Each structure stands twice: as C-alpha cells, then as structure tokens.
C-alpha cells in the first residue's frame, strides 16, 4: 500500500474546485451509510438531501469526477464510494502524527474513525517529559525531542496540532521543516506556513460564537414579534473616543 509521502491526491491537477473538494467528504459519508444498508443505487435528489446540498450542485460536482449517473436509475453507490475515495486519496495509507496529548489530543487519538477512512495514527507526541512512554489509545506517547525522527521514520505528511496556542506556531514550523505538508490545527491561533503547506483549522469556540449569534438573532426576532425589547438590545452603551459605541464581548 502506498504512503502519503510518495503520492498526492489528484484533485488539483484535475482542476476540481476547492468548494467541490470540500463537499466530497459529505457525499462520501452519505454514500457510506447507504452502502452499509446495501442500497445499490441512489438518485441525485436523494443523495443531495442526505448530504445537505441541492441536487443541481451535486450533479455539477460529480461532473468534475466524470460521473453522470444513469437516467431513471441514478448513481451506483459502491462505484461512487470508490470513485470519491480515490479522488480524496483515501485508497492509500496516510500516516498521521498528533502533537499535544492533553484532553483534546487524547480524544483524537482514541477516535476510531481515522483507520476506517484511510488515516493511520503513526505517533502521539507531547512536550511534557512526564507523558513520555505513557500509553494513550494503545500507543506510547513520545517526546517532542524526537519529532523530526518520528516524521522521517514513518513517512508522515499530515500533522495534527492539539497544543496550547502559545506552542502551536513553533510546533508547526518544526513539522514543516521535517517534511509535513498538511496540518490540521486545533490550537486556538492562526498558523503562518510557507507556500505549498495546507492548513485546516478547527476552532470550536468560533463555531459556538457563531451559534450564539444565530440564537441571539432568533431571540430578537421573536421578541420583536411580541413587541418586547430583548435584553441584548437594551444593554447600555459605553463611551469611546468617538462617542457612544456598543458594549461588546472582548475577542
């Protein structure tokens, strides 16, 4: 089986838009659920509904893969699973290192979905000497002093950063210098990387703040419908250098 350091996904060379690439995992998840139920074919409307997109967008996305389905029959579920898995690079082995084995890092290490989706956790790494050698998810934690050797020995091209914000950039730079070209960042900070390195950021606090915004807006709409001024709108303003400005939550 090929490893991630010697093969790269074909999506960019084939000119598939990034927005389409971002939706392929959604289609794959829906198709995998259908496959597990032994559903042989699916219409674009049914699959689009399961993936949470509209059917016209789905058909356009699949046209980039060269898959158009059969009128009156739909799409072959097993073939699409294979086709999308191949396009995403999931038919090969991707060794991954997780750096920062606190509560979040340990939870990620215990996540069973990595292996079933083509990712192999090759090593768990932490800066705390007291963590060295301790088993997490059946693997001994290794110290960050050995990070470069671990990446080289395991042919790692994908790194997961789950460290505190203050340590994330330094860890990122070491990963990149050692040959890692894709990073999944859980640290609450923006990473600076050179061209050719891809970073995906997962920030739970930002997602919660966005949900809070929508909840506040819904509450305001309901209050307005009842003729009541919501508490958020009634908060006092504070003085700024240019006069009154709304009170806001600090960033």
Foldseek 3Di string as FASTA:
>chain_A
DDEPLVDDACCVVLPQDPVLLVLLVLLLVLLVVCVVVVNFFDALCVSCVSSVHHSVVVQVSVVSLVDRADVPTHGGSVVSNVSSLRNNVQVEAAEEEEEACDPVSLVVLQDPVQVVRRYDDQAYEYQDPVQAQPDRNRHRYHYPVCVLVSCVVVVHQEYEYPHEQVCVQVVVVVCVVSHHQEYEYAYPDDYDDDPRHHYHYDYPVVVVVVVVVVVVVVVCVVCVVVVHHDPQNVDDFDADPVGTDRDDDDD
